[in-house]
């Protein structure tokens, strides 16, 4: 009886040890160390990549059947964190570079390289973003979560995304991004927006126009002007420079 009880405890402990950490604490540790405001210290991460490599290994160990049993928010958090972590690893593997777009060539963009380990095989960053996140979940705010290692992209958050806080995290990401007047602003009769709202317009128009989607994330007079309608929409330039300090 004692041996049987011990065996059950051992199996239980082993199962708990294998349970996936939905707090993504290992990634948060990396981000807190290297996110510097709107920039990321790629040089320091390249010097000590063990944390990001270990975290990516934990994501690669997740089986598709396990993933399919998770809640939608757990899946979104997992994929957004995977995209961001894999992008960081891709950049440090080629650092120093001045832009992520300089990784690869004309027929092998960084987003089409099979550099992501997922469900036992190699896939691309494009597949994570466009084949999974955008296709399987009606969550346009994910565009403020994934980071393409560029100045023009929404800032990389200094913590991992977590299912139990996902709504608040995505809303904050949207507010921070839309408050950046270098990318999004109202000037006179014109609403200037990041090209993200042009490239992926369909993701933001499920319940109205792009302007109607962004209006709640602006404040004061700008919000009223957008909500009133009639503003022309123009898109700002996208800065592909690496978002390093």
Protein backbone atom coordinates (compact mmCIF):
# COMPACT_ATOMS: atom_id res chain seq x y z
CA UNK A 1 0.00 0.00 0.00
CA UNK A 2 2.80 2.37 0.89
CA UNK A 3 4.58 1.60 -2.37
CA UNK A 4 1.37 2.10 -4.35
CA UNK A 5 0.70 5.44 -2.67
CA UNK A 6 4.26 6.53 -3.33
CA UNK A 7 3.91 5.58 -6.97
CA UNK A 8 0.70 7.61 -7.30
CA UNK A 9 2.36 10.61 -5.68
CA UNK A 10 5.31 10.26 -8.02
CA UNK A 11 3.10 10.13 -11.11
CA UNK A 12 1.11 13.10 -9.84
CA UNK A 13 4.26 15.12 -9.17
CA UNK A 14 5.65 14.21 -12.59
CA UNK A 15 2.38 15.32 -14.22
CA UNK A 16 2.52 18.61 -12.40
CA UNK A 17 6.14 19.07 -13.45
CA UNK A 18 5.12 18.64 -17.08
CA UNK A 19 2.19 21.06 -16.83
CA UNK A 20 2.63 24.07 -19.08
CA UNK A 21 3.28 27.39 -17.36
CA UNK A 22 0.50 29.65 -18.64
CA UNK A 23 2.01 32.58 -16.75
CA UNK A 24 4.90 32.47 -19.27
CA UNK A 25 7.11 33.64 -16.40
CA UNK A 26 10.31 32.60 -18.16
CA UNK A 27 9.56 34.95 -21.05
CA UNK A 28 8.58 37.76 -18.69
CA UNK A 29 11.99 37.40 -17.07
CA UNK A 30 13.70 37.89 -20.45
CA UNK A 31 11.51 40.84 -21.37
CA UNK A 32 11.90 42.65 -18.07
CA UNK A 33 15.66 42.39 -18.42
CA UNK A 34 15.94 43.59 -22.03
CA UNK A 35 12.95 45.81 -22.89
CA UNK A 36 14.05 49.44 -22.60
CA UNK A 37 10.98 51.60 -23.10
CA UNK A 38 10.12 51.30 -26.77
CA UNK A 39 13.36 49.50 -27.59
CA UNK A 40 14.96 46.10 -27.00
CA UNK A 41 18.57 45.34 -26.06
CA UNK A 42 19.40 42.69 -28.68
CA UNK A 43 23.11 42.96 -28.01
CA UNK A 44 22.71 41.88 -24.38
CA UNK A 45 20.37 39.02 -25.33
CA UNK A 46 22.80 37.78 -27.97
CA UNK A 47 25.52 37.72 -25.31
CA UNK A 48 23.33 35.63 -22.98
CA UNK A 49 20.61 33.78 -24.97
CA UNK A 50 20.00 30.92 -22.51
CA UNK A 51 16.75 32.37 -21.18
CA UNK A 52 15.12 32.84 -24.58
CA UNK A 53 16.35 29.48 -25.84
CA UNK A 54 14.99 27.68 -22.78
CA UNK A 55 11.63 29.41 -23.10
CA UNK A 56 11.33 28.59 -26.79
CA UNK A 57 12.19 24.99 -25.91
CA UNK A 58 9.27 24.87 -23.47
CA UNK A 59 6.91 26.12 -26.17
CA UNK A 60 8.25 23.61 -28.69
CA UNK A 61 7.52 20.79 -26.22
CA UNK A 62 3.77 21.53 -26.29
CA UNK A 63 1.83 18.97 -28.32
CA UNK A 64 -0.93 20.09 -30.67
CA UNK A 65 -3.48 17.95 -28.82
CA UNK A 66 -2.56 19.72 -25.57
CA UNK A 67 -2.82 23.13 -27.25
CA UNK A 68 -6.24 22.28 -28.69
CA UNK A 69 -7.54 21.59 -25.18
CA UNK A 70 -6.70 25.09 -23.95
CA UNK A 71 -9.04 28.08 -23.79
CA UNK A 72 -9.00 30.59 -26.65
CA UNK A 73 -7.21 33.16 -24.52
CA UNK A 74 -4.54 30.64 -23.53
CA UNK A 75 -4.00 29.84 -27.20
CA UNK A 76 -3.74 33.51 -28.22
CA UNK A 77 -1.29 34.28 -25.41
CA UNK A 78 0.81 31.24 -26.35
CA UNK A 79 0.98 32.16 -30.04
CA UNK A 80 1.63 35.87 -29.46
CA UNK A 81 4.45 35.06 -27.03
CA UNK A 82 5.83 32.45 -29.42
CA UNK A 83 5.85 34.97 -32.27
CA UNK A 84 7.63 37.59 -30.19
CA UNK A 85 10.16 35.18 -28.69
CA UNK A 86 10.94 33.58 -32.06
CA UNK A 87 11.40 37.03 -33.60
CA UNK A 88 13.87 37.99 -30.87
CA UNK A 89 15.80 34.76 -31.45
CA UNK A 90 15.85 35.34 -35.21
CA UNK A 91 17.26 38.83 -34.77
CA UNK A 92 19.98 37.87 -32.30
CA UNK A 93 21.00 35.00 -34.59
CA UNK A 94 21.79 37.67 -37.22
CA UNK A 95 22.78 40.55 -34.98
CA UNK A 96 24.07 43.14 -35.63
CA UNK A 97 21.53 44.08 -38.30
CA UNK A 98 19.95 47.48 -38.82
CA UNK A 99 16.57 46.07 -39.83
CA UNK A 100 14.83 42.71 -39.64
CA UNK A 101 14.14 43.09 -43.36
CA UNK A 102 17.85 42.61 -44.02
CA UNK A 103 17.58 39.01 -42.77
CA UNK A 104 17.09 36.71 -45.73
CA UNK A 105 16.76 37.71 -49.36
CA UNK A 106 14.24 38.60 -52.03
CA UNK A 107 12.71 35.13 -52.05
CA UNK A 108 13.34 34.36 -48.39
CA UNK A 109 12.01 37.14 -46.19
CA UNK A 110 12.52 36.75 -42.43
CA UNK A 111 8.83 35.99 -42.02
CA UNK A 112 8.93 33.12 -44.51
CA UNK A 113 11.91 31.28 -43.03
CA UNK A 114 11.15 28.11 -41.09
CA UNK A 115 12.66 29.20 -37.79
CA UNK A 116 9.80 28.44 -35.39
CA UNK A 117 9.48 25.08 -33.64
CA UNK A 118 5.80 24.29 -33.17
CA UNK A 119 3.98 20.99 -32.65
CA UNK A 120 6.96 18.87 -33.66
CA UNK A 121 7.86 20.64 -36.89
CA UNK A 122 9.37 23.84 -38.23
CA UNK A 123 7.13 26.66 -39.36
CA UNK A 124 7.35 30.38 -40.17
CA UNK A 125 6.54 33.61 -38.39
CA UNK A 126 4.06 34.31 -41.21
CA UNK A 127 2.23 31.11 -40.37
CA UNK A 128 1.99 32.02 -36.69
CA UNK A 129 0.58 35.48 -37.45
CA UNK A 130 -1.40 35.07 -40.65
CA UNK A 131 -2.13 31.34 -40.68
CA UNK A 132 -3.09 30.95 -37.01
CA UNK A 133 -3.64 34.17 -35.04
CA UNK A 134 -5.50 36.12 -37.72
CA UNK A 135 -7.42 33.16 -39.12
CA UNK A 136 -8.50 31.29 -36.02
CA UNK A 137 -9.32 34.14 -33.64
CA UNK A 138 -11.43 37.23 -34.22
CA UNK A 139 -9.10 39.39 -32.15
CA UNK A 140 -7.82 42.45 -34.05
CA UNK A 141 -5.97 43.71 -30.97
CA UNK A 142 -3.42 40.96 -31.57
CA UNK A 143 -1.83 43.39 -34.04
CA UNK A 144 -0.76 45.46 -31.02
CA UNK A 145 0.70 42.38 -29.33
CA UNK A 146 3.01 40.86 -31.94
CA UNK A 147 6.23 42.75 -32.48
CA UNK A 148 8.25 42.69 -35.72
CA UNK A 149 11.45 44.08 -34.15
CA UNK A 150 10.91 47.44 -35.86
CA UNK A 151 10.43 51.03 -34.72
CA UNK A 152 7.13 51.27 -36.60
CA UNK A 153 5.65 48.28 -34.80
CA UNK A 154 3.68 48.53 -31.54
CA UNK A 155 6.14 48.40 -28.66
CA UNK A 156 7.22 45.05 -27.30
CA UNK A 157 5.57 44.67 -23.92
CA UNK A 158 7.88 44.25 -20.90
CA UNK A 159 5.94 41.18 -19.81
CA UNK A 160 4.53 38.08 -21.46
CA UNK A 161 0.88 37.84 -22.41
CA UNK A 162 -1.22 35.78 -20.02
CA UNK A 163 -4.69 34.36 -20.59
CA UNK A 164 -6.09 35.61 -17.28
CA UNK A 165 -5.03 39.19 -18.08
CA UNK A 166 -5.18 39.13 -21.86
CA UNK A 167 -8.06 41.59 -22.39
CA UNK A 168 -6.46 44.22 -20.16
CA UNK A 169 -3.03 43.69 -21.72
CA UNK A 170 -4.32 43.99 -25.29
CA UNK A 171 -6.35 47.09 -24.44
CA UNK A 172 -3.31 48.72 -22.88
CA UNK A 173 -1.19 47.82 -25.91
CA UNK A 174 -3.79 49.47 -28.16
CA UNK A 175 -3.95 52.63 -26.04
CA UNK A 176 -0.16 52.97 -25.91
CA UNK A 177 0.21 52.47 -29.65
CA UNK A 178 -2.58 54.83 -30.65
CA UNK A 179 -1.29 57.49 -28.24
CA UNK A 180 2.02 57.62 -30.13
CA UNK A 181 1.61 60.73 -32.25
CA UNK A 182 4.49 59.80 -34.50
CA UNK A 183 2.29 57.00 -35.83
CA UNK A 184 -1.32 57.88 -34.97
CA UNK A 185 -2.83 61.34 -34.50
CA UNK A 186 -5.52 63.81 -35.50
CA UNK A 187 -4.39 66.94 -37.33
CA UNK A 188 -7.07 69.33 -38.57
CA UNK A 189 -9.50 67.37 -40.71
CA UNK A 190 -7.22 64.35 -41.07
CA UNK A 191 -6.81 61.17 -39.03
CA UNK A 192 -3.28 59.87 -39.48
CA UNK A 193 -2.87 56.18 -38.73
CA UNK A 194 -0.13 53.55 -38.85
CA UNK A 195 -0.05 51.53 -42.09
CA UNK A 196 -1.02 48.53 -39.93
CA UNK A 197 -4.59 49.81 -40.20
CA UNK A 198 -4.25 49.85 -43.98
CA UNK A 199 -2.47 46.51 -44.43
CA UNK A 200 -4.92 44.66 -42.20
CA UNK A 201 -7.98 46.86 -42.60
CA UNK A 202 -10.31 43.87 -42.81
CA UNK A 203 -9.30 42.76 -39.32
CA UNK A 204 -10.51 46.06 -37.85
CA UNK A 205 -13.79 46.50 -39.73
CA UNK A 206 -15.85 43.60 -38.41
CA UNK A 207 -18.14 45.98 -36.54
CA UNK A 208 -17.69 49.22 -38.44
CA UNK A 209 -14.95 51.34 -39.98
CA UNK A 210 -11.29 51.54 -38.98
CA UNK A 211 -11.98 55.02 -37.57
CA UNK A 212 -14.78 53.62 -35.40
CA UNK A 213 -12.44 50.92 -34.14
CA UNK A 214 -9.66 53.31 -33.10
CA UNK A 215 -11.86 56.10 -31.70
CA UNK A 216 -12.26 54.62 -28.17
CA UNK A 217 -8.48 54.43 -27.80
CA UNK A 218 -8.02 58.16 -28.37
CA UNK A 219 -8.86 60.73 -25.73
CA UNK A 220 -10.55 64.10 -25.37
CA UNK A 221 -11.13 66.23 -28.43
CA UNK A 222 -9.46 63.72 -30.75
CA UNK A 223 -11.88 60.98 -29.75
CA UNK A 224 -14.85 63.30 -30.32
CA UNK A 225 -13.53 64.39 -33.72
CA UNK A 226 -13.06 60.79 -34.86
CA UNK A 227 -16.42 59.67 -33.48
CA UNK A 228 -18.17 62.55 -35.25
CA UNK A 229 -16.97 61.22 -38.61
CA UNK A 230 -15.92 63.18 -41.65
CA UNK A 231 -12.16 63.02 -41.08
CA UNK A 232 -9.95 62.06 -43.99
CA UNK A 233 -7.73 59.07 -43.25
CA UNK A 234 -4.07 59.05 -44.25
CA UNK A 235 -1.36 56.58 -43.30
CA UNK A 236 1.99 57.46 -41.77
CA UNK A 237 5.31 56.02 -42.88
CA UNK A 238 6.37 52.71 -41.36
CA UNK A 239 9.88 52.72 -39.88
CA UNK A 240 11.55 49.33 -40.42
CA UNK A 241 14.70 50.26 -38.47
CA UNK A 242 15.56 47.81 -35.71
CA UNK A 243 13.97 48.87 -32.42
CA UNK A 244 17.24 48.82 -30.50
CA UNK A 245 18.39 51.44 -27.93
